[in-house]
N, C-alpha and C. Protein backbone atom coordinates (compact mmCIF):
# COMPACT_ATOMS: atom_id res chain seq x y z
N MET A 1 -11.36 -2.66 4.63
CA MET A 1 -11.20 -2.62 3.27
C MET A 1 -10.44 -3.99 2.94
N LEU A 2 -11.00 -4.43 1.75
CA LEU A 2 -10.49 -6.04 1.73
C LEU A 2 -9.46 -6.12 0.32
N VAL A 3 -8.73 -7.17 0.52
CA VAL A 3 -7.75 -7.47 -0.28
C VAL A 3 -8.24 -7.65 -1.98
N ARG A 4 -9.33 -8.05 -1.66
CA ARG A 4 -9.72 -8.64 -3.31
C ARG A 4 -10.18 -7.59 -3.73
N TYR A 5 -10.49 -5.91 -3.30
CA TYR A 5 -10.76 -5.18 -3.94
C TYR A 5 -9.61 -4.02 -4.81
N PHE A 6 -8.27 -4.76 -4.23
CA PHE A 6 -7.07 -3.61 -4.26
C PHE A 6 -6.00 -4.57 -4.85
N MET A 7 -6.15 -5.74 -4.90
CA MET A 7 -4.78 -6.47 -5.71
C MET A 7 -5.09 -6.38 -7.01
N THR A 8 -3.68 -7.20 -7.56
CA THR A 8 -3.49 -6.66 -8.68
C THR A 8 -3.95 -8.23 -9.21
N ALA A 9 -4.67 -8.60 -9.97
CA ALA A 9 -5.11 -9.86 -10.68
C ALA A 9 -5.40 -9.22 -12.32
N PRO A 10 -5.10 -10.16 -13.40
CA PRO A 10 -4.57 -11.73 -12.82
C PRO A 10 -2.69 -10.59 -12.85
N VAL A 11 -2.12 -12.07 -12.41
CA VAL A 11 -1.03 -11.87 -12.03
C VAL A 11 0.04 -12.45 -13.01
N THR A 12 0.90 -11.80 -12.96
CA THR A 12 2.30 -12.29 -13.89
C THR A 12 3.40 -13.19 -13.03
N THR A 13 3.16 -14.27 -13.87
CA THR A 13 4.28 -15.36 -13.00
C THR A 13 5.28 -15.67 -13.75
N VAL A 14 6.35 -16.56 -12.71
CA VAL A 14 7.26 -17.03 -13.48
C VAL A 14 7.40 -18.53 -12.78
N THR A 15 8.41 -19.17 -13.24
CA THR A 15 8.53 -20.50 -13.31
C THR A 15 9.93 -20.30 -12.74
N GLU A 16 10.41 -21.74 -11.86
CA GLU A 16 11.32 -21.97 -10.86
C GLU A 16 12.80 -22.35 -12.34
N ASP A 17 12.37 -22.65 -13.36
CA ASP A 17 13.51 -23.21 -14.38
C ASP A 17 13.50 -22.03 -15.14
N LEU A 18 13.19 -21.05 -15.55
CA LEU A 18 13.49 -19.02 -15.96
C LEU A 18 14.25 -18.82 -15.82
N PRO A 19 15.66 -18.71 -16.16
CA PRO A 19 16.63 -17.94 -15.96
C PRO A 19 16.32 -16.18 -15.47
N CYS A 20 17.47 -16.22 -14.49
CA CYS A 20 17.28 -15.13 -13.99
C CYS A 20 17.55 -13.81 -14.83
N ARG A 21 18.57 -13.58 -16.24
CA ARG A 21 17.97 -12.69 -16.68
C ARG A 21 17.13 -13.00 -17.58
N ALA A 22 16.40 -13.32 -18.20
CA ALA A 22 15.15 -13.82 -18.78
C ALA A 22 14.12 -12.87 -17.90
N ALA A 23 13.82 -13.65 -16.54
CA ALA A 23 13.15 -13.21 -15.87
C ALA A 23 12.88 -11.56 -15.06
N LEU A 24 14.53 -10.72 -15.14
CA LEU A 24 14.64 -9.55 -14.95
C LEU A 24 14.45 -8.26 -16.03
N ARG A 25 14.65 -9.69 -17.72
CA ARG A 25 14.08 -8.72 -18.76
C ARG A 25 12.61 -8.77 -18.46
N LEU A 26 11.75 -9.95 -18.22
CA LEU A 26 10.33 -9.52 -18.24
C LEU A 26 9.71 -8.38 -16.72
N PHE A 27 11.11 -8.43 -15.68
CA PHE A 27 10.38 -7.71 -14.96
C PHE A 27 10.36 -6.32 -15.37
N ARG A 28 11.62 -6.10 -16.06
CA ARG A 28 11.50 -4.38 -16.79
C ARG A 28 10.59 -3.60 -17.94
N GLU A 29 10.48 -5.05 -18.75
CA GLU A 29 9.38 -4.78 -20.09
C GLU A 29 7.84 -4.74 -19.17
N LYS A 30 7.50 -5.63 -18.34
CA LYS A 30 6.02 -5.33 -17.65
C LYS A 30 6.21 -4.33 -16.43
N GLY A 31 7.13 -3.90 -15.99
CA GLY A 31 7.23 -2.51 -15.13
C GLY A 31 6.82 -2.89 -13.65
N PHE A 32 6.98 -4.44 -13.33
CA PHE A 32 6.54 -4.87 -12.11
C PHE A 32 8.20 -4.78 -11.07
N ARG A 33 8.08 -5.32 -10.04
CA ARG A 33 9.49 -5.72 -9.15
C ARG A 33 9.63 -6.83 -8.50
N ARG A 34 8.31 -7.69 -8.88
CA ARG A 34 8.30 -9.10 -7.79
C ARG A 34 7.29 -10.06 -8.41
N ALA A 35 7.37 -11.23 -8.50
CA ALA A 35 6.25 -12.07 -9.27
C ALA A 35 6.44 -13.18 -8.04
N PRO A 36 5.12 -14.50 -8.33
CA PRO A 36 5.05 -15.40 -7.73
C PRO A 36 5.71 -16.40 -8.54
N VAL A 37 6.18 -17.32 -8.00
CA VAL A 37 6.65 -18.80 -8.61
C VAL A 37 6.04 -19.86 -8.58
N MET A 38 5.86 -20.41 -9.92
CA MET A 38 4.82 -21.59 -10.28
C MET A 38 5.31 -22.47 -10.25
N ARG A 39 5.13 -23.87 -10.05
CA ARG A 39 5.27 -24.96 -10.30
C ARG A 39 4.22 -26.10 -10.95
N GLY A 40 3.87 -25.67 -12.03
CA GLY A 40 2.31 -26.05 -12.51
C GLY A 40 1.47 -25.07 -12.09
N ASP A 41 0.31 -25.16 -10.94
CA ASP A 41 -0.70 -24.59 -10.72
C ASP A 41 -0.54 -24.68 -8.86
N LEU A 42 0.62 -25.36 -8.45
CA LEU A 42 1.53 -24.60 -7.34
C LEU A 42 2.54 -23.52 -7.03
N LEU A 43 1.55 -22.50 -5.88
CA LEU A 43 2.98 -21.88 -5.54
C LEU A 43 4.17 -22.19 -4.99
N VAL A 44 5.64 -21.98 -5.70
CA VAL A 44 6.65 -22.37 -4.34
C VAL A 44 7.22 -21.16 -3.99
N GLY A 45 6.71 -19.96 -4.85
CA GLY A 45 8.22 -18.84 -4.21
C GLY A 45 7.56 -17.83 -4.81
N MET A 46 8.33 -16.70 -4.34
CA MET A 46 8.55 -14.90 -4.30
C MET A 46 9.98 -14.73 -5.03
N VAL A 47 10.11 -14.29 -6.08
CA VAL A 47 11.12 -13.70 -6.61
C VAL A 47 10.86 -12.21 -6.90
N SER A 48 11.70 -11.50 -6.51
CA SER A 48 11.66 -10.22 -6.40
C SER A 48 12.86 -9.60 -7.96
N GLU A 49 12.53 -8.16 -8.18
CA GLU A 49 14.15 -7.65 -9.23
C GLU A 49 15.47 -7.50 -8.35
N ARG A 50 14.83 -7.32 -7.06
CA ARG A 50 16.27 -7.51 -5.94
C ARG A 50 16.68 -8.53 -5.92
N ASP A 51 16.32 -9.67 -5.44
CA ASP A 51 16.89 -11.07 -5.80
C ASP A 51 17.48 -10.98 -7.29
N LEU A 52 17.05 -10.95 -8.28
CA LEU A 52 17.58 -11.24 -9.49
C LEU A 52 19.02 -10.56 -9.76
N VAL A 53 18.76 -8.93 -9.23
CA VAL A 53 19.60 -8.51 -9.88
C VAL A 53 20.84 -8.90 -8.84
N ARG A 54 20.77 -9.31 -7.60
CA ARG A 54 21.48 -9.27 -6.65
C ARG A 54 22.38 -10.62 -7.09
N VAL A 55 22.20 -11.71 -7.83
CA VAL A 55 22.86 -12.60 -8.62
C VAL A 55 23.56 -12.44 -9.48
N LEU A 56 22.69 -11.26 -10.25
CA LEU A 56 23.65 -11.32 -12.07
C LEU A 56 24.84 -10.73 -11.68
N PRO A 57 26.04 -10.88 -12.85
CA PRO A 57 26.93 -10.37 -12.95
C PRO A 57 26.25 -8.69 -13.21
N SER A 58 27.37 -8.07 -12.54
CA SER A 58 26.94 -6.01 -13.08
C SER A 58 27.31 -5.42 -13.85
N SER A 59 28.75 -5.93 -14.57
CA SER A 59 29.43 -5.88 -15.16
C SER A 59 30.01 -6.28 -16.66
N VAL A 60 30.66 -5.88 -17.76
CA VAL A 60 31.12 -7.27 -18.94
C VAL A 60 32.30 -7.56 -18.03
N ALA A 61 33.29 -6.92 -17.15
CA ALA A 61 33.92 -7.54 -16.66
C ALA A 61 33.71 -8.71 -15.40
N ASP A 62 32.67 -8.79 -14.66
CA ASP A 62 32.35 -9.86 -14.38
C ASP A 62 31.41 -10.93 -14.86
N LEU A 63 31.19 -10.28 -16.32
CA LEU A 63 30.28 -11.60 -16.98
C LEU A 63 31.68 -11.91 -17.59
N ASP A 64 32.85 -11.45 -17.77
CA ASP A 64 33.55 -12.53 -18.64
C ASP A 64 34.75 -13.42 -17.65
N SER A 65 33.65 -13.30 -16.41
CA SER A 65 35.05 -14.47 -15.17
C SER A 65 33.74 -15.24 -15.13
N ALA A 66 34.69 -16.20 -14.25
CA ALA A 66 34.10 -17.72 -14.60
C ALA A 66 32.72 -17.94 -13.19
N ALA A 67 33.11 -16.89 -12.38
CA ALA A 67 31.67 -16.40 -11.60
C ALA A 67 30.64 -15.84 -12.44
N GLY A 68 30.71 -15.23 -13.06
CA GLY A 68 29.66 -14.21 -13.95
C GLY A 68 29.17 -15.09 -14.59
N LEU A 69 29.76 -16.19 -15.52
CA LEU A 69 29.74 -17.23 -16.25
C LEU A 69 28.44 -17.93 -15.87
N ARG A 70 28.54 -18.15 -14.47
CA ARG A 70 27.89 -19.45 -13.77
C ARG A 70 26.78 -18.68 -12.95
N ALA A 71 26.89 -17.56 -12.82
CA ALA A 71 25.81 -16.50 -12.14
C ALA A 71 24.74 -16.11 -13.75
N GLU A 72 25.18 -16.21 -14.59
CA GLU A 72 24.68 -15.77 -15.65
C GLU A 72 23.53 -17.29 -16.05
N ARG A 73 23.75 -18.11 -15.89
CA ARG A 73 23.25 -19.34 -15.86
C ARG A 73 22.04 -19.84 -14.47
N ALA A 74 22.29 -18.48 -13.50
CA ALA A 74 21.32 -19.10 -12.22
C ALA A 74 19.98 -18.69 -13.15
N LEU A 75 19.21 -19.98 -12.25
CA LEU A 75 17.81 -19.87 -12.50
C LEU A 75 16.91 -19.24 -11.30
N VAL A 76 15.32 -19.05 -11.42
CA VAL A 76 14.96 -18.34 -10.21
C VAL A 76 14.05 -19.23 -9.21
N GLY A 77 14.58 -20.59 -9.78
CA GLY A 77 14.23 -21.26 -8.28
C GLY A 77 15.41 -21.12 -7.51
N GLN A 78 16.83 -20.77 -7.87
CA GLN A 78 17.87 -21.01 -7.38
C GLN A 78 17.95 -19.16 -5.95
N VAL A 79 16.96 -18.18 -6.37
CA VAL A 79 17.30 -17.46 -5.91
C VAL A 79 15.86 -16.64 -5.28
N MET A 80 14.76 -17.70 -5.67
CA MET A 80 13.71 -17.24 -4.78
C MET A 80 13.48 -17.30 -3.63
N ALA A 81 12.55 -16.86 -2.69
CA ALA A 81 12.09 -16.79 -1.11
C ALA A 81 10.98 -17.88 -1.22
N LYS A 82 11.70 -18.84 -0.45
CA LYS A 82 10.59 -20.01 -0.48
C LYS A 82 9.34 -19.73 0.48
N ARG A 83 8.73 -20.75 0.77
CA ARG A 83 7.67 -20.70 1.70
C ARG A 83 7.59 -18.98 1.56
N PRO A 84 7.00 -18.40 0.34
CA PRO A 84 6.31 -16.87 1.07
C PRO A 84 5.49 -16.55 2.47
N GLU A 85 5.24 -15.49 2.22
CA GLU A 85 3.97 -15.22 3.22
C GLU A 85 2.89 -15.16 2.26
N ILE A 86 1.36 -15.29 2.77
CA ILE A 86 0.46 -15.39 1.72
C ILE A 86 -0.69 -15.16 2.42
N VAL A 87 -1.57 -14.53 1.76
CA VAL A 87 -2.86 -13.65 2.43
C VAL A 87 -4.02 -13.72 1.63
N GLY A 88 -5.23 -14.25 2.44
CA GLY A 88 -6.42 -14.39 1.50
C GLY A 88 -7.27 -13.35 0.65
N PRO A 89 -7.97 -13.26 -0.41
CA PRO A 89 -8.75 -12.43 -0.58
C PRO A 89 -9.78 -11.57 0.58
N ASP A 90 -9.94 -11.91 1.21
CA ASP A 90 -10.93 -11.55 2.55
C ASP A 90 -9.99 -10.84 3.64
N ALA A 91 -8.54 -11.17 3.15
CA ALA A 91 -8.03 -10.06 4.58
C ALA A 91 -7.76 -9.18 4.35
N HIS A 92 -7.94 -7.92 5.53
CA HIS A 92 -8.15 -6.44 5.63
C HIS A 92 -6.66 -6.30 5.12
N LEU A 93 -6.76 -4.80 4.29
CA LEU A 93 -5.34 -4.06 4.08
C LEU A 93 -4.56 -3.83 4.96
N GLU A 94 -5.14 -3.07 6.02
CA GLU A 94 -4.51 -3.14 7.65
C GLU A 94 -3.51 -4.18 8.20
N ASP A 95 -4.09 -5.38 8.06
CA ASP A 95 -3.25 -6.39 8.33
C ASP A 95 -2.37 -7.18 7.69
N VAL A 96 -2.67 -6.51 6.58
CA VAL A 96 -1.06 -7.18 5.29
C VAL A 96 -0.58 -6.36 5.38
N ALA A 97 -0.56 -4.52 5.52
CA ALA A 97 0.31 -3.81 5.65
C ALA A 97 1.14 -4.21 6.84
N ARG A 98 0.40 -4.49 7.75
CA ARG A 98 1.40 -4.78 9.32
C ARG A 98 2.25 -5.83 8.79
N VAL A 99 1.90 -7.26 8.02
CA VAL A 99 2.83 -8.22 7.92
C VAL A 99 3.74 -7.72 6.91
N MET A 100 3.37 -6.87 5.65
CA MET A 100 4.83 -6.68 5.37
C MET A 100 5.93 -5.80 5.90
N LEU A 101 5.46 -4.85 7.12
CA LEU A 101 6.47 -4.24 7.87
C LEU A 101 7.06 -4.61 8.54
N GLN A 102 6.47 -5.47 9.10
CA GLN A 102 7.09 -6.64 10.01
C GLN A 102 7.83 -7.67 9.92
N LYS A 103 7.65 -8.11 8.37
CA LYS A 103 8.63 -8.61 7.69
C LYS A 103 9.14 -8.58 6.52
N LYS A 104 9.30 -7.00 6.32
CA LYS A 104 10.09 -6.14 5.37
C LYS A 104 10.07 -6.73 3.90
N ILE A 105 8.91 -6.87 3.60
CA ILE A 105 8.54 -7.40 2.53
C ILE A 105 7.63 -6.64 1.55
N GLY A 106 8.03 -6.26 -0.06
CA GLY A 106 6.92 -5.43 -0.39
C GLY A 106 5.83 -6.33 -1.34
N GLY A 107 5.82 -7.33 -0.84
CA GLY A 107 4.24 -8.05 -1.60
C GLY A 107 3.96 -9.19 -1.25
N MET A 108 2.95 -9.80 -1.22
CA MET A 108 2.36 -10.98 -1.00
C MET A 108 1.29 -11.79 -2.02
N PRO A 109 1.83 -13.05 -2.63
CA PRO A 109 0.81 -13.53 -3.11
C PRO A 109 -0.76 -13.53 -2.48
N VAL A 110 -1.58 -13.69 -2.97
CA VAL A 110 -2.82 -13.92 -2.23
C VAL A 110 -3.68 -15.22 -3.13
N VAL A 111 -3.99 -16.08 -2.22
CA VAL A 111 -4.00 -17.49 -2.52
C VAL A 111 -5.57 -17.36 -2.30
N GLU A 112 -6.50 -18.64 -2.55
CA GLU A 112 -8.10 -18.54 -2.11
C GLU A 112 -8.12 -19.85 -2.61
N GLY A 113 -8.66 -20.93 -1.15
CA GLY A 113 -8.08 -22.23 -1.61
C GLY A 113 -6.65 -22.55 -1.68
N ARG A 114 -6.47 -23.39 -2.93
CA ARG A 114 -4.87 -23.55 -3.44
C ARG A 114 -4.42 -23.26 -4.54
N ALA A 115 -5.58 -22.01 -4.78
CA ALA A 115 -5.30 -21.30 -6.14
C ALA A 115 -4.63 -19.74 -6.21
N LEU A 116 -3.75 -19.52 -6.88
CA LEU A 116 -3.23 -18.43 -6.84
C LEU A 116 -3.99 -17.22 -7.68
N VAL A 117 -4.95 -15.97 -6.75
CA VAL A 117 -5.58 -15.47 -7.95
C VAL A 117 -5.40 -13.92 -7.79
N GLY A 118 -3.97 -13.48 -7.12
CA GLY A 118 -3.66 -12.17 -7.10
C GLY A 118 -2.58 -12.08 -6.67
N ILE A 119 -1.78 -10.81 -6.49
CA ILE A 119 -0.99 -10.37 -5.37
C ILE A 119 -1.11 -8.82 -5.20
N ILE A 120 -0.95 -9.00 -3.91
CA ILE A 120 -1.26 -7.17 -3.38
C ILE A 120 0.43 -6.98 -2.97
N THR A 121 0.47 -5.68 -3.35
CA THR A 121 2.01 -5.14 -3.17
C THR A 121 1.79 -3.64 -2.44
N GLU A 122 2.88 -3.11 -2.20
CA GLU A 122 3.32 -2.29 -1.74
C GLU A 122 2.46 -0.82 -2.02
N THR A 123 2.54 -0.57 -3.57
CA THR A 123 2.02 -0.01 -4.40
C THR A 123 0.12 0.05 -4.66
N ASP A 124 -0.33 -1.05 -4.18
CA ASP A 124 -1.55 -1.29 -4.10
C ASP A 124 -2.23 -0.55 -3.10
N LEU A 125 -1.20 -0.96 -2.03
CA LEU A 125 -1.83 -0.44 -0.60
C LEU A 125 -1.66 1.29 -0.64
N PHE A 126 -0.84 1.79 -1.28
CA PHE A 126 -0.70 3.41 -1.58
C PHE A 126 -1.67 3.83 -2.61
N ARG A 127 -2.29 3.01 -3.46
CA ARG A 127 -3.64 3.23 -4.38
C ARG A 127 -4.82 3.17 -3.76
N ALA A 128 -4.88 2.32 -2.43
CA ALA A 128 -5.81 2.07 -1.64
C ALA A 128 -5.66 3.55 -0.60
N LEU A 129 -4.87 3.70 -0.20
CA LEU A 129 -5.02 5.12 0.92
C LEU A 129 -4.93 6.34 0.14
N LEU A 130 -5.04 6.75 -1.47
CA LEU A 130 -5.12 7.59 -1.93
C LEU A 130 -6.72 7.31 -1.98
N GLN A 131 -7.21 6.38 -2.53
CA GLN A 131 -8.70 6.34 -2.78
C GLN A 131 -8.98 6.77 -1.77
N ILE A 132 -9.00 6.66 -0.06
CA ILE A 132 -9.00 7.54 0.83
C ILE A 132 -9.17 8.75 0.84
N SER A 133 -8.24 8.82 1.31
CA SER A 133 -7.72 10.32 1.16
C SER A 133 -7.49 11.11 0.30
N ASP A 134 -7.44 11.19 -1.11
CA ASP A 134 -7.07 12.15 -2.33
C ASP A 134 -8.45 12.39 -2.99
N ARG A 135 -8.96 13.09 -2.35
CA ARG A 135 -10.37 13.46 -2.41
C ARG A 135 -10.03 15.35 -2.57
N THR A 136 -11.27 16.05 -3.69
CA THR A 136 -11.28 17.06 -3.88
C THR A 136 -11.93 17.95 -3.65
N ASP A 137 -13.08 17.34 -3.36
CA ASP A 137 -14.03 17.82 -3.02
C ASP A 137 -14.09 18.37 -1.35
N GLY A 138 -15.05 18.93 -1.09
CA GLY A 138 -14.96 19.28 0.69
C GLY A 138 -13.83 19.80 0.70
N VAL A 139 -13.96 20.42 2.44
CA VAL A 139 -12.97 21.11 3.20
C VAL A 139 -11.96 19.88 3.52
N ARG A 140 -11.02 20.05 4.03
CA ARG A 140 -9.98 18.99 4.70
C ARG A 140 -9.04 19.78 5.71
N LEU A 141 -9.47 19.22 7.24
CA LEU A 141 -9.03 19.76 8.55
C LEU A 141 -8.34 18.45 9.33
N THR A 142 -7.16 19.12 10.16
CA THR A 142 -6.58 18.14 10.74
C THR A 142 -5.93 19.03 12.14
N LEU A 143 -6.98 17.86 12.85
CA LEU A 143 -7.23 18.55 14.62
C LEU A 143 -5.93 18.06 15.14
N ALA A 144 -5.82 18.05 16.40
CA ALA A 144 -5.41 17.66 17.84
C ALA A 144 -6.28 17.66 18.58
N THR A 145 -6.90 16.12 19.46
CA THR A 145 -7.78 16.19 20.12
C THR A 145 -7.19 16.11 21.56
N PRO A 146 -7.22 17.14 22.42
CA PRO A 146 -7.05 16.93 23.60
C PRO A 146 -7.32 16.61 24.29
N ALA A 147 -6.99 16.15 25.83
CA ALA A 147 -8.01 14.95 26.74
C ALA A 147 -9.28 15.97 27.05
N GLY A 148 -10.02 14.97 27.04
CA GLY A 148 -11.55 15.62 27.38
C GLY A 148 -12.52 15.74 25.83
N THR A 149 -12.34 15.90 24.89
CA THR A 149 -12.49 16.07 23.48
C THR A 149 -12.41 14.46 23.10
N ARG A 150 -13.56 13.78 22.07
CA ARG A 150 -13.90 12.96 21.31
C ARG A 150 -13.39 12.95 19.84
N SER A 151 -13.03 11.77 19.46
CA SER A 151 -13.17 12.04 17.27
C SER A 151 -14.58 11.84 16.67
N ASP A 152 -15.32 11.03 17.66
CA ASP A 152 -17.07 10.89 16.93
C ASP A 152 -17.34 12.43 17.20
N ASP A 153 -17.33 13.31 18.44
CA ASP A 153 -18.10 14.52 18.68
C ASP A 153 -17.54 15.50 17.17
N VAL A 154 -16.93 15.14 16.34
CA VAL A 154 -16.12 15.76 15.03
C VAL A 154 -17.54 15.20 14.52
N ALA A 155 -17.50 14.12 14.11
CA ALA A 155 -19.22 14.22 13.52
C ALA A 155 -20.27 14.54 13.17
N LEU A 156 -20.62 14.85 14.92
CA LEU A 156 -21.25 15.20 15.29
C LEU A 156 -21.81 16.65 15.15
N ILE A 157 -20.22 17.31 15.26
CA ILE A 157 -20.64 18.77 15.11
C ILE A 157 -20.57 19.38 13.48
N SER A 158 -19.95 18.22 12.87
CA SER A 158 -20.12 18.63 11.45
C SER A 158 -22.01 18.67 10.88
N LEU A 159 -22.19 17.60 11.14
CA LEU A 159 -23.42 17.10 10.98
C LEU A 159 -25.20 18.13 11.39
N ARG A 160 -23.98 18.81 12.52
CA ARG A 160 -25.18 19.58 12.83
C ARG A 160 -25.50 20.96 12.05
N ILE A 161 -24.22 21.41 11.50
CA ILE A 161 -24.35 22.09 10.68
C ILE A 161 -24.87 21.91 9.04
N GLY A 162 -24.89 20.58 8.72
CA GLY A 162 -25.41 20.07 7.38
C GLY A 162 -24.56 19.88 6.55
N LEU A 163 -23.13 19.58 7.00
CA LEU A 163 -22.10 18.83 6.15
C LEU A 163 -22.09 17.19 6.44
N ARG A 164 -21.96 16.87 5.35
CA ARG A 164 -21.17 15.70 5.09
C ARG A 164 -19.97 15.10 4.86
N LEU A 165 -19.91 14.19 5.92
CA LEU A 165 -18.55 13.41 6.11
C LEU A 165 -18.13 12.57 5.08
N VAL A 166 -17.03 12.85 4.36
CA VAL A 166 -16.28 12.11 3.38
C VAL A 166 -15.20 11.27 3.95
N THR A 167 -14.37 11.91 4.99
CA THR A 167 -13.51 10.45 5.24
C THR A 167 -13.30 11.06 6.89
N LEU A 168 -12.91 10.24 7.99
CA LEU A 168 -12.94 10.59 8.98
C LEU A 168 -11.87 9.87 9.83
N LEU A 169 -10.30 10.10 9.87
CA LEU A 169 -9.23 9.14 9.81
C LEU A 169 -9.20 9.74 11.38
N THR A 170 -8.67 8.84 12.39
CA THR A 170 -7.97 9.01 13.53
C THR A 170 -6.32 8.25 13.47
N HIS A 171 -5.52 9.23 13.43
CA HIS A 171 -3.78 8.61 14.05
C HIS A 171 -3.33 9.87 14.48
N GLU A 172 -2.12 9.00 14.90
CA GLU A 172 -1.16 9.91 15.80
C GLU A 172 0.43 10.64 15.32
N SER A 173 0.52 11.67 15.88
CA SER A 173 1.60 12.62 15.62
C SER A 173 2.73 11.72 15.82
N PRO A 174 3.81 11.81 15.50
CA PRO A 174 4.87 11.23 15.86
C PRO A 174 5.55 11.17 17.61
N GLY A 175 4.88 11.86 17.81
CA GLY A 175 5.00 12.01 19.51
C GLY A 175 4.12 11.44 20.46
N GLY A 176 2.87 10.56 19.60
CA GLY A 176 1.81 9.96 20.05
C GLY A 176 0.48 10.67 20.39
N ALA A 177 0.54 12.10 20.09
CA ALA A 177 -0.55 12.85 20.33
C ALA A 177 -1.57 12.30 19.37
N PRO A 178 -2.87 12.01 19.79
CA PRO A 178 -3.66 11.90 18.84
C PRO A 178 -4.19 12.91 17.92
N LEU A 179 -4.90 12.81 16.51
CA LEU A 179 -4.80 13.80 15.65
C LEU A 179 -6.03 13.10 14.91
N VAL A 180 -7.09 13.70 14.31
CA VAL A 180 -8.09 13.41 13.19
C VAL A 180 -8.09 14.76 12.24
N THR A 181 -8.14 13.47 11.07
CA THR A 181 -8.14 14.33 9.48
C THR A 181 -9.34 13.83 9.12
N LEU A 182 -10.25 14.98 8.51
CA LEU A 182 -11.66 14.64 8.09
C LEU A 182 -11.99 15.80 6.93
N ARG A 183 -12.66 15.13 5.82
CA ARG A 183 -12.89 16.07 4.97
C ARG A 183 -14.26 16.01 4.60
N ALA A 184 -15.21 17.05 4.88
CA ALA A 184 -16.58 17.47 4.85
C ALA A 184 -16.88 18.21 3.62
N VAL A 185 -18.12 17.81 3.44
CA VAL A 185 -18.78 18.69 1.70
C VAL A 185 -20.22 18.93 2.33
N GLY A 186 -20.13 20.62 2.19
CA GLY A 186 -21.31 21.27 2.65
C GLY A 186 -21.30 23.05 2.25
N ALA A 187 -22.38 23.93 2.55
CA ALA A 187 -22.14 25.16 2.14
C ALA A 187 -21.37 25.60 2.99
N ARG A 188 -22.18 25.34 4.43
CA ARG A 188 -21.52 25.53 5.42
C ARG A 188 -20.18 25.26 6.00
N TRP A 189 -19.21 25.25 5.06
CA TRP A 189 -17.83 24.73 5.78
C TRP A 189 -16.98 25.69 6.54
N ARG A 190 -17.22 26.78 5.82
CA ARG A 190 -16.66 27.58 6.55
C ARG A 190 -16.76 28.07 8.31
N GLU A 191 -17.98 27.72 8.73
CA GLU A 191 -18.44 27.30 10.20
C GLU A 191 -17.53 26.45 11.05
N LEU A 192 -17.13 25.32 9.86
CA LEU A 192 -16.60 24.18 10.95
C LEU A 192 -15.38 24.59 12.15
N PRO A 193 -14.32 24.89 11.54
CA PRO A 193 -13.10 25.38 12.42
C PRO A 193 -13.14 26.14 13.23
N ASP A 194 -14.39 27.04 13.10
CA ASP A 194 -14.50 28.14 14.53
C ASP A 194 -15.37 27.19 15.55
N LEU A 195 -16.26 25.85 15.40
CA LEU A 195 -17.37 25.14 15.95
C LEU A 195 -16.24 24.30 16.89
N LEU A 196 -15.66 23.67 15.92
CA LEU A 196 -14.52 22.52 16.62
C LEU A 196 -13.33 23.20 17.64
N ALA A 197 -13.12 24.80 16.97
CA ALA A 197 -12.02 25.00 18.05
C ALA A 197 -13.06 25.57 19.30
N LYS A 198 -14.00 25.99 19.46
CA LYS A 198 -15.03 26.09 20.67
C LYS A 198 -15.08 24.86 21.46
N ALA A 199 -15.23 23.81 20.64
CA ALA A 199 -15.48 22.40 21.29
C ALA A 199 -14.12 21.83 22.20
N GLY A 200 -12.81 23.00 21.85
CA GLY A 200 -11.92 21.84 22.76
C GLY A 200 -10.54 21.58 21.77
N TYR A 201 -10.84 21.55 20.45
CA TYR A 201 -10.25 20.72 19.20
C TYR A 201 -9.45 22.07 18.86
N ALA A 202 -7.88 21.37 18.73
CA ALA A 202 -6.79 22.25 18.22
C ALA A 202 -7.00 22.08 16.71
N VAL A 203 -7.49 23.35 15.93
CA VAL A 203 -7.29 23.36 14.97
C VAL A 203 -5.80 23.34 14.23
N ILE A 204 -5.10 22.46 13.76
CA ILE A 204 -3.68 22.75 13.03
C ILE A 204 -3.74 23.05 11.56
N GLN A 205 -4.64 22.50 11.25
CA GLN A 205 -4.90 23.19 9.32
C GLN A 205 -6.17 23.13 8.70
N VAL A 206 -6.45 23.58 7.87
CA VAL A 206 -7.82 24.22 7.25
C VAL A 206 -6.89 24.02 5.91
N VAL A 207 -7.95 22.96 4.70
CA VAL A 207 -7.51 23.05 3.40
C VAL A 207 -8.91 23.58 2.75
N PRO A 208 -9.23 24.49 2.28
CA PRO A 208 -10.57 24.68 1.53
C PRO A 208 -10.91 23.79 0.15
N PRO A 209 -11.76 23.89 -0.32
CA PRO A 209 -12.35 22.76 -1.00
C PRO A 209 -11.39 23.08 -2.27
N ALA A 210 -11.15 22.33 -3.12
CA ALA A 210 -10.26 22.84 -4.61
C ALA A 210 -11.19 23.84 -5.17
N LEU A 211 -12.39 24.05 -5.73
CA LEU A 211 -12.88 24.97 -6.14
C LEU A 211 -13.14 26.45 -5.72
N GLU A 212 -13.04 26.47 -4.15
CA GLU A 212 -12.86 27.79 -3.31
C GLU A 212 -11.18 28.41 -3.15
N ALA A 213 -10.41 27.19 -3.31
CA ALA A 213 -8.92 27.60 -3.42
C ALA A 213 -8.67 28.18 -4.59
N ALA A 214 -9.11 27.73 -5.35
CA ALA A 214 -9.05 28.33 -6.95
C ALA A 214 -9.37 29.62 -7.20
């Protein structure tokens, strides 16, 4: 899954000389929490709502102080993160998620060549996850895969009874035990849990198709 298909584009940007108060107002009007900072066509930083809130006075009393008045004159260029982490449009989402997690950041500008073409944020990653997993068609099963079983055998068992796999995800429980989550579509879905159990899988959860559940 490539960044270019999930990034937000075109992206709203701000400039270094924009007052922080004006930038915060823009963020709240547009409903976003971060923006690339541009100097002409050059990306020079990234600023978040947290950066802006941290520097601005939080009360009328603070505003009336000398420090508060100075803070009100603060510009985006003074509080932005310089040399932000960037990503290309053909990067994979899992690599982006890994960088965000390691660096503790909520978004990255997407740059192609030297041009800013978008922004990828944690919200975009959530949207990608939902696109993969948030389906209402078919039966959804969560399985543990004990020693001697393989996740690819799950697909073969499903295909043998005429089911079409919509998703097949492998992951781990908090304790490190391997798990499989799958969604399959077909008339014989009720047979699948028993067949998987007979093959050695531990069936943890079965969620019927939405129409069946209703």
